[in-house]
Amino acid sequence: MARRMSVAIPTIGNKDICLADRVSKFEHCHAVLLQYTDGSTEKGIHDSLSNVISKDKVHEEICLGLLMSILTDPYEAPTKYRDLTLLSRDGLAVIISNINQIIMDRYLKLTDVARRQVIWLVQEMMKTDVSNVDVPCSSLLRYAAGGDVSQRNISLIESLLDMFQDHNIWLDRFPVLIASVVYTFLRLIEDHSAIHLAALRQREVDFVITLLRGKIMDCLVIGR
């Protein structure tokens, strides 16, 4: 059974209550998913979910239950993502909406495993050309903090760099995202002057130069 995402609610304000409600919703959806899948074979799981997912409410619950499994269980994530793509009736719109909300509201409080799985899921959606996946990409860029050379931040930056380099053809289709990527990495390059970050800095420089040369018109909005 997948682990639950740990959540800390330090104060009780309107925003905290909303966040707590959202986490509770994910846990409920995961419990619903387990009702239909626990102890079944892979074929049995697919058949069971296919039979019940036609209802709008159940569709959302199953999709969000699968999302939670993906974020908490890297081993099962490929199977769960395959199920998600086969069962989803909205082109993964509910997943895009919720993963983006998780990134904006909870990313800094996610476990390291969940953080890695967020990146993994976004990359998988890029591979399968899911509509609007550029939205969570933009949200992730906001967490690549300038002036922060902690291992957690460097790991995020390296993951984003890998993601955009590996999917450069996909990236070419999103001019606004290209400008954001260039702006973000231009800002980060100056912080990576330490010897142990030399390799990362060179990769960033090469990546930005490639984008500027190939997509200069998209980058003009950045200004100086």
C-alpha atoms as a PDB file:
ATOM      1  CA  MET A   1       0.000   0.000   0.000  1.00  0.00           C
ATOM      2  CA  ALA A   2       1.359   3.451  -0.901  1.00  0.00           C
ATOM      3  CA  ARG A   3       2.561   5.737   1.860  1.00  0.00           C
ATOM      4  CA  ARG A   4       0.614   8.870   2.649  1.00  0.00           C
ATOM      5  CA  MET A   5       2.142  12.259   1.986  1.00  0.00           C
ATOM      6  CA  SER A   6       3.109  13.824   5.283  1.00  0.00           C
ATOM      7  CA  VAL A   7       1.437  17.158   5.909  1.00  0.00           C
ATOM      8  CA  ALA A   8       2.158  19.730   8.559  1.00  0.00           C
ATOM      9  CA  ILE A   9      -0.405  22.458   9.205  1.00  0.00           C
ATOM     10  CA  PRO A  10       1.415  24.972  11.420  1.00  0.00           C
ATOM     11  CA  THR A  11      -1.396  27.507  11.749  1.00  0.00           C
ATOM     12  CA  ILE A  12      -5.112  27.398  11.266  1.00  0.00           C
ATOM     13  CA  GLY A  13      -6.061  30.011   8.730  1.00  0.00           C
ATOM     14  CA  ASN A  14      -8.281  29.915   5.669  1.00  0.00           C
ATOM     15  CA  LYS A  15      -5.439  28.815   3.418  1.00  0.00           C
ATOM     16  CA  ASP A  16      -4.310  26.116   5.858  1.00  0.00           C
ATOM     17  CA  ILE A  17      -7.848  24.747   6.103  1.00  0.00           C
ATOM     18  CA  CYS A  18      -8.046  24.579   2.305  1.00  0.00           C
ATOM     19  CA  LEU A  19      -4.717  22.742   2.146  1.00  0.00           C
ATOM     20  CA  ALA A  20      -5.785  20.300   4.839  1.00  0.00           C
ATOM     21  CA  ASP A  21      -9.056  19.678   2.998  1.00  0.00           C
ATOM     22  CA  ARG A  22      -7.164  18.998  -0.215  1.00  0.00           C
ATOM     23  CA  VAL A  23      -4.851  16.487   1.459  1.00  0.00           C
ATOM     24  CA  SER A  24      -7.857  14.798   3.046  1.00  0.00           C
ATOM     25  CA  LYS A  25      -9.454  14.592  -0.401  1.00  0.00           C
ATOM     26  CA  PHE A  26      -6.369  12.868  -1.828  1.00  0.00           C
ATOM     27  CA  GLU A  27      -6.366  10.358   1.020  1.00  0.00           C
ATOM     28  CA  HIS A  28     -10.065   9.663   0.445  1.00  0.00           C
ATOM     29  CA  CYS A  29      -9.492   9.160  -3.288  1.00  0.00           C
ATOM     30  CA  HIS A  30      -6.620   6.797  -2.603  1.00  0.00           C
ATOM     31  CA  ALA A  31      -8.841   4.802  -0.256  1.00  0.00           C
ATOM     32  CA  VAL A  32     -11.510   4.615  -2.991  1.00  0.00           C
ATOM     33  CA  LEU A  33      -8.892   3.351  -5.442  1.00  0.00           C
ATOM     34  CA  LEU A  34      -7.843   0.616  -3.021  1.00  0.00           C
ATOM     35  CA  GLN A  35     -11.450  -0.525  -2.678  1.00  0.00           C
ATOM     36  CA  TYR A  36     -11.434  -1.481  -6.362  1.00  0.00           C
ATOM     37  CA  THR A  37      -7.847  -2.708  -6.684  1.00  0.00           C
ATOM     38  CA  ASP A  38      -6.597  -4.190  -3.419  1.00  0.00           C
ATOM     39  CA  GLY A  39      -5.645  -7.834  -3.833  1.00  0.00           C
ATOM     40  CA  SER A  40      -6.606  -8.030  -7.526  1.00  0.00           C
ATOM     41  CA  THR A  41      -4.476  -9.116 -10.457  1.00  0.00           C
ATOM     42  CA  GLU A  42      -3.282  -6.528 -12.953  1.00  0.00           C
ATOM     43  CA  LYS A  43      -6.012  -7.524 -15.434  1.00  0.00           C
ATOM     44  CA  GLY A  44      -8.576  -7.638 -12.641  1.00  0.00           C
ATOM     45  CA  ILE A  45      -7.614  -4.140 -11.534  1.00  0.00           C
ATOM     46  CA  HIS A  46      -8.006  -2.729 -15.034  1.00  0.00           C
ATOM     47  CA  ASP A  47     -11.351  -4.453 -15.570  1.00  0.00           C
ATOM     48  CA  SER A  48     -12.650  -3.318 -12.183  1.00  0.00           C
ATOM     49  CA  LEU A  49     -11.668   0.300 -12.756  1.00  0.00           C
ATOM     50  CA  SER A  50     -13.018   0.314 -16.304  1.00  0.00           C
ATOM     51  CA  ASN A  51     -16.416  -0.798 -15.022  1.00  0.00           C
ATOM     52  CA  VAL A  52     -16.803   1.984 -12.447  1.00  0.00           C
ATOM     53  CA  ILE A  53     -14.977   4.960 -13.920  1.00  0.00           C
ATOM     54  CA  SER A  54     -17.820   6.008 -16.246  1.00  0.00           C
ATOM     55  CA  LYS A  55     -19.407   7.942 -13.364  1.00  0.00           C
ATOM     56  CA  ASP A  56     -18.074  11.524 -13.129  1.00  0.00           C
ATOM     57  CA  LYS A  57     -17.445  11.474  -9.365  1.00  0.00           C
ATOM     58  CA  VAL A  58     -15.784   8.069  -9.449  1.00  0.00           C
ATOM     59  CA  HIS A  59     -13.686   9.155 -12.442  1.00  0.00           C
ATOM     60  CA  GLU A  60     -12.155  12.008 -10.469  1.00  0.00           C
ATOM     61  CA  GLU A  61     -11.662   9.867  -7.362  1.00  0.00           C
ATOM     62  CA  ILE A  62      -9.928   7.097  -9.296  1.00  0.00           C
ATOM     63  CA  CYS A  63      -7.713   9.557 -11.195  1.00  0.00           C
ATOM     64  CA  LEU A  64      -6.664  11.348  -8.005  1.00  0.00           C
ATOM     65  CA  GLY A  65      -6.143   8.023  -6.241  1.00  0.00           C
ATOM     66  CA  LEU A  66      -3.793   6.978  -9.048  1.00  0.00           C
ATOM     67  CA  LEU A  67      -2.064  10.353  -8.815  1.00  0.00           C
ATOM     68  CA  MET A  68      -1.389   9.850  -5.133  1.00  0.00           C
ATOM     69  CA  SER A  69      -0.018   6.365  -5.821  1.00  0.00           C
ATOM     70  CA  ILE A  70       2.318   7.810  -8.448  1.00  0.00           C
ATOM     71  CA  LEU A  71       3.605  10.487  -6.073  1.00  0.00           C
ATOM     72  CA  THR A  72       4.252   8.100  -3.183  1.00  0.00           C
ATOM     73  CA  ASP A  73       5.368   4.851  -4.829  1.00  0.00           C
ATOM     74  CA  PRO A  74       8.089   5.139  -7.512  1.00  0.00           C
ATOM     75  CA  TYR A  75       8.096   1.372  -8.105  1.00  0.00           C
ATOM     76  CA  GLU A  76       4.394   1.282  -8.988  1.00  0.00           C
ATOM     77  CA  ALA A  77       4.365   4.662 -10.765  1.00  0.00           C
ATOM     78  CA  PRO A  78       4.854   3.390 -14.357  1.00  0.00           C
ATOM     79  CA  THR A  79       1.959   0.933 -13.995  1.00  0.00           C
ATOM     80  CA  LYS A  80      -0.266   3.530 -12.347  1.00  0.00           C
ATOM     81  CA  TYR A  81       0.505   6.095 -15.034  1.00  0.00           C
ATOM     82  CA  ARG A  82      -0.337   3.569 -17.739  1.00  0.00           C
ATOM     83  CA  ASP A  83      -3.657   2.880 -15.992  1.00  0.00           C
ATOM     84  CA  LEU A  84      -4.249   6.610 -15.734  1.00  0.00           C
ATOM     85  CA  THR A  85      -3.724   7.208 -19.449  1.00  0.00           C
ATOM     86  CA  LEU A  86      -5.997   4.291 -20.361  1.00  0.00           C
ATOM     87  CA  LEU A  87      -8.792   5.183 -17.952  1.00  0.00           C
ATOM     88  CA  SER A  88      -8.844   8.986 -18.075  1.00  0.00           C
ATOM     89  CA  ARG A  89     -11.816  10.436 -19.973  1.00  0.00           C
ATOM     90  CA  ASP A  90     -10.690  14.080 -19.873  1.00  0.00           C
ATOM     91  CA  GLY A  91      -7.206  13.932 -21.391  1.00  0.00           C
ATOM     92  CA  LEU A  92      -5.692  14.027 -17.867  1.00  0.00           C
ATOM     93  CA  ALA A  93      -7.139  17.502 -17.292  1.00  0.00           C
ATOM     94  CA  VAL A  94      -7.957  16.703 -13.656  1.00  0.00           C
ATOM     95  CA  ILE A  95      -4.369  15.501 -13.163  1.00  0.00           C
ATOM     96  CA  ILE A  96      -2.867  18.640 -14.703  1.00  0.00           C
ATOM     97  CA  SER A  97      -5.054  20.835 -12.506  1.00  0.00           C
ATOM     98  CA  ASN A  98      -4.265  18.975  -9.298  1.00  0.00           C
ATOM     99  CA  ILE A  99      -0.538  18.415  -9.868  1.00  0.00           C
ATOM    100  CA  ASN A 100      -0.172  22.119 -10.599  1.00  0.00           C
ATOM    101  CA  GLN A 101      -2.046  22.963  -7.405  1.00  0.00           C
ATOM    102  CA  ILE A 102       0.197  20.601  -5.445  1.00  0.00           C
ATOM    103  CA  ILE A 103       3.281  22.280  -6.894  1.00  0.00           C
ATOM    104  CA  MET A 104       2.055  25.788  -6.121  1.00  0.00           C
ATOM    105  CA  ASP A 105       0.714  25.074  -2.630  1.00  0.00           C
ATOM    106  CA  ARG A 106       2.740  22.176  -1.233  1.00  0.00           C
ATOM    107  CA  TYR A 107       5.942  21.594  -3.219  1.00  0.00           C
ATOM    108  CA  LEU A 108       8.329  22.817  -0.526  1.00  0.00           C
ATOM    109  CA  LYS A 109       6.649  20.571   2.051  1.00  0.00           C
ATOM    110  CA  LEU A 110       6.647  17.400  -0.047  1.00  0.00           C
ATOM    111  CA  THR A 111       9.008  14.566   0.809  1.00  0.00           C
ATOM    112  CA  ASP A 112      12.059  14.056  -1.412  1.00  0.00           C
ATOM    113  CA  VAL A 113      10.365  11.003  -2.931  1.00  0.00           C
ATOM    114  CA  ALA A 114       7.219  12.974  -3.783  1.00  0.00           C
ATOM    115  CA  ARG A 115       9.315  15.803  -5.258  1.00  0.00           C
ATOM    116  CA  ARG A 116      11.134  13.385  -7.541  1.00  0.00           C
ATOM    117  CA  GLN A 117       7.840  11.813  -8.538  1.00  0.00           C
ATOM    118  CA  VAL A 118       6.354  15.195  -9.438  1.00  0.00           C
ATOM    119  CA  ILE A 119       9.231  15.697 -11.896  1.00  0.00           C
ATOM    120  CA  TRP A 120       8.858  12.129 -13.169  1.00  0.00           C
ATOM    121  CA  LEU A 121       5.126  12.564 -13.759  1.00  0.00           C
ATOM    122  CA  VAL A 122       5.559  15.875 -15.568  1.00  0.00           C
ATOM    123  CA  GLN A 123       8.154  14.268 -17.844  1.00  0.00           C
ATOM    124  CA  GLU A 124       5.856  11.344 -18.595  1.00  0.00           C
ATOM    125  CA  MET A 125       3.095  13.767 -19.544  1.00  0.00           C
ATOM    126  CA  MET A 126       5.526  15.615 -21.794  1.00  0.00           C
ATOM    127  CA  LYS A 127       6.390  12.318 -23.511  1.00  0.00           C
ATOM    128  CA  THR A 128       2.728  11.526 -24.128  1.00  0.00           C
ATOM    129  CA  ASP A 129       1.991  15.118 -25.194  1.00  0.00           C
ATOM    130  CA  VAL A 130      -0.676  15.822 -22.584  1.00  0.00           C
ATOM    131  CA  SER A 131      -2.392  19.177 -23.114  1.00  0.00           C
ATOM    132  CA  ASN A 132      -1.368  22.041 -20.801  1.00  0.00           C
ATOM    133  CA  VAL A 133       1.573  20.225 -19.202  1.00  0.00           C
ATOM    134  CA  ASP A 134       3.515  23.443 -19.804  1.00  0.00           C
ATOM    135  CA  VAL A 135       1.541  24.908 -16.871  1.00  0.00           C
ATOM    136  CA  PRO A 136       3.129  22.707 -14.143  1.00  0.00           C
ATOM    137  CA  CYS A 137       6.480  23.181 -15.902  1.00  0.00           C
ATOM    138  CA  SER A 138       6.180  26.932 -15.372  1.00  0.00           C
ATOM    139  CA  SER A 139       5.178  26.401 -11.749  1.00  0.00           C
ATOM    140  CA  LEU A 140       8.209  24.190 -11.088  1.00  0.00           C
ATOM    141  CA  LEU A 141      10.554  26.845 -12.491  1.00  0.00           C
ATOM    142  CA  ARG A 142       9.471  29.203  -9.700  1.00  0.00           C
ATOM    143  CA  TYR A 143      11.049  26.904  -7.122  1.00  0.00           C
ATOM    144  CA  ALA A 144      14.496  26.952  -8.734  1.00  0.00           C
ATOM    145  CA  ALA A 145      15.663  29.544  -6.221  1.00  0.00           C
ATOM    146  CA  GLY A 146      18.472  31.960  -6.950  1.00  0.00           C
ATOM    147  CA  GLY A 147      21.196  32.239  -4.319  1.00  0.00           C
ATOM    148  CA  ASP A 148      20.361  28.818  -2.876  1.00  0.00           C
ATOM    149  CA  VAL A 149      23.066  26.183  -3.394  1.00  0.00           C
ATOM    150  CA  SER A 150      21.569  23.632  -0.996  1.00  0.00           C
ATOM    151  CA  GLN A 151      21.479  20.066  -2.263  1.00  0.00           C
ATOM    152  CA  ARG A 152      17.687  20.096  -2.483  1.00  0.00           C
ATOM    153  CA  ASN A 153      17.655  23.185  -4.697  1.00  0.00           C
ATOM    154  CA  ILE A 154      20.552  21.983  -6.847  1.00  0.00           C
ATOM    155  CA  SER A 155      18.789  18.647  -7.325  1.00  0.00           C
ATOM    156  CA  LEU A 156      15.678  20.453  -8.543  1.00  0.00           C
ATOM    157  CA  ILE A 157      17.697  22.627 -10.912  1.00  0.00           C
ATOM    158  CA  GLU A 158      19.517  19.588 -12.329  1.00  0.00           C
ATOM    159  CA  SER A 159      16.211  17.757 -12.760  1.00  0.00           C
ATOM    160  CA  LEU A 160      14.665  20.706 -14.597  1.00  0.00           C
ATOM    161  CA  LEU A 161      17.728  21.052 -16.803  1.00  0.00           C
ATOM    162  CA  ASP A 162      17.615  17.338 -17.652  1.00  0.00           C
ATOM    163  CA  MET A 163      13.892  17.544 -18.330  1.00  0.00           C
ATOM    164  CA  PHE A 164      14.054  20.470 -20.731  1.00  0.00           C
ATOM    165  CA  GLN A 165      17.142  19.169 -22.514  1.00  0.00           C
ATOM    166  CA  ASP A 166      15.667  15.691 -22.933  1.00  0.00           C
ATOM    167  CA  HIS A 167      12.422  17.166 -24.279  1.00  0.00           C
ATOM    168  CA  ASN A 168      13.797  20.070 -26.276  1.00  0.00           C
ATOM    169  CA  ILE A 169      11.586  19.314 -29.286  1.00  0.00           C
ATOM    170  CA  TRP A 170       8.525  19.459 -27.041  1.00  0.00           C
ATOM    171  CA  LEU A 171       9.802  22.703 -25.494  1.00  0.00           C
ATOM    172  CA  ASP A 172      10.139  24.327 -28.937  1.00  0.00           C
ATOM    173  CA  ARG A 173       6.334  24.528 -29.147  1.00  0.00           C
ATOM    174  CA  PHE A 174       5.937  26.838 -26.134  1.00  0.00           C
ATOM    175  CA  PRO A 175       7.415  30.323 -26.703  1.00  0.00           C
ATOM    176  CA  VAL A 176       6.316  31.719 -23.329  1.00  0.00           C
ATOM    177  CA  LEU A 177       7.795  28.730 -21.492  1.00  0.00           C
ATOM    178  CA  ILE A 178      11.032  29.049 -23.474  1.00  0.00           C
ATOM    179  CA  ALA A 179      11.375  32.666 -22.327  1.00  0.00           C
ATOM    180  CA  SER A 180      10.746  31.611 -18.716  1.00  0.00           C
ATOM    181  CA  VAL A 181      13.307  28.818 -18.948  1.00  0.00           C
ATOM    182  CA  VAL A 182      15.971  31.131 -20.386  1.00  0.00           C
ATOM    183  CA  TYR A 183      15.238  33.835 -17.805  1.00  0.00           C
ATOM    184  CA  THR A 184      15.379  31.329 -14.942  1.00  0.00           C
ATOM    185  CA  PHE A 185      18.667  29.748 -15.958  1.00  0.00           C
ATOM    186  CA  LEU A 186      20.290  33.095 -16.752  1.00  0.00           C
ATOM    187  CA  ARG A 187      19.468  34.071 -13.182  1.00  0.00           C
ATOM    188  CA  LEU A 188      20.820  30.791 -11.786  1.00  0.00           C
ATOM    189  CA  ILE A 189      24.097  30.691 -13.706  1.00  0.00           C
ATOM    190  CA  GLU A 190      25.668  33.494 -11.680  1.00  0.00           C
ATOM    191  CA  ASP A 191      25.014  31.593  -8.432  1.00  0.00           C
ATOM    192  CA  HIS A 192      26.867  28.476  -9.596  1.00  0.00           C
ATOM    193  CA  SER A 193      30.427  29.787  -9.643  1.00  0.00           C
ATOM    194  CA  ALA A 194      31.737  27.414  -6.951  1.00  0.00           C
ATOM    195  CA  ILE A 195      34.181  24.753  -8.143  1.00  0.00           C
ATOM    196  CA  HIS A 196      31.884  21.863  -7.231  1.00  0.00           C
ATOM    197  CA  LEU A 197      29.128  23.400  -9.380  1.00  0.00           C
ATOM    198  CA  ALA A 198      31.341  24.032 -12.416  1.00  0.00           C
ATOM    199  CA  ALA A 199      29.897  21.150 -14.438  1.00  0.00           C
ATOM    200  CA  LEU A 200      26.323  22.258 -13.740  1.00  0.00           C
ATOM    201  CA  ARG A 201      27.159  25.848 -14.617  1.00  0.00           C
ATOM    202  CA  GLN A 202      28.666  24.802 -17.959  1.00  0.00           C
ATOM    203  CA  ARG A 203      25.596  22.740 -18.788  1.00  0.00           C
ATOM    204  CA  GLU A 204      23.389  25.719 -17.970  1.00  0.00           C
ATOM    205  CA  VAL A 205      25.489  28.029 -20.132  1.00  0.00           C
ATOM    206  CA  ASP A 206      25.420  25.625 -23.082  1.00  0.00           C
ATOM    207  CA  PHE A 207      21.672  25.133 -22.732  1.00  0.00           C
ATOM    208  CA  VAL A 208      20.883  28.840 -22.581  1.00  0.00           C
ATOM    209  CA  ILE A 209      23.149  29.598 -25.556  1.00  0.00           C
ATOM    210  CA  THR A 210      21.396  26.902 -27.588  1.00  0.00           C
ATOM    211  CA  LEU A 211      17.974  28.367 -26.789  1.00  0.00           C
ATOM    212  CA  LEU A 212      19.074  31.939 -27.463  1.00  0.00           C
ATOM    213  CA  ARG A 213      20.551  30.995 -30.830  1.00  0.00           C
ATOM    214  CA  GLY A 214      17.574  28.930 -31.907  1.00  0.00           C
ATOM    215  CA  LYS A 215      14.721  30.889 -30.313  1.00  0.00           C
ATOM    216  CA  ILE A 216      15.956  34.459 -30.036  1.00  0.00           C
ATOM    217  CA  MET A 217      12.609  35.953 -31.065  1.00  0.00           C
ATOM    218  CA  ASP A 218      10.844  34.072 -28.259  1.00  0.00           C
ATOM    219  CA  CYS A 219      13.424  35.373 -25.777  1.00  0.00           C
ATOM    220  CA  LEU A 220      13.153  39.057 -26.669  1.00  0.00           C
ATOM    221  CA  VAL A 221      10.362  39.483 -24.149  1.00  0.00           C
ATOM    222  CA  ILE A 222      12.949  38.912 -21.398  1.00  0.00           C
ATOM    223  CA  GLY A 223      14.600  42.270 -22.126  1.00  0.00           C
ATOM    224  CA  ARG A 224      18.155  42.949 -21.061  1.00  0.00           C
END
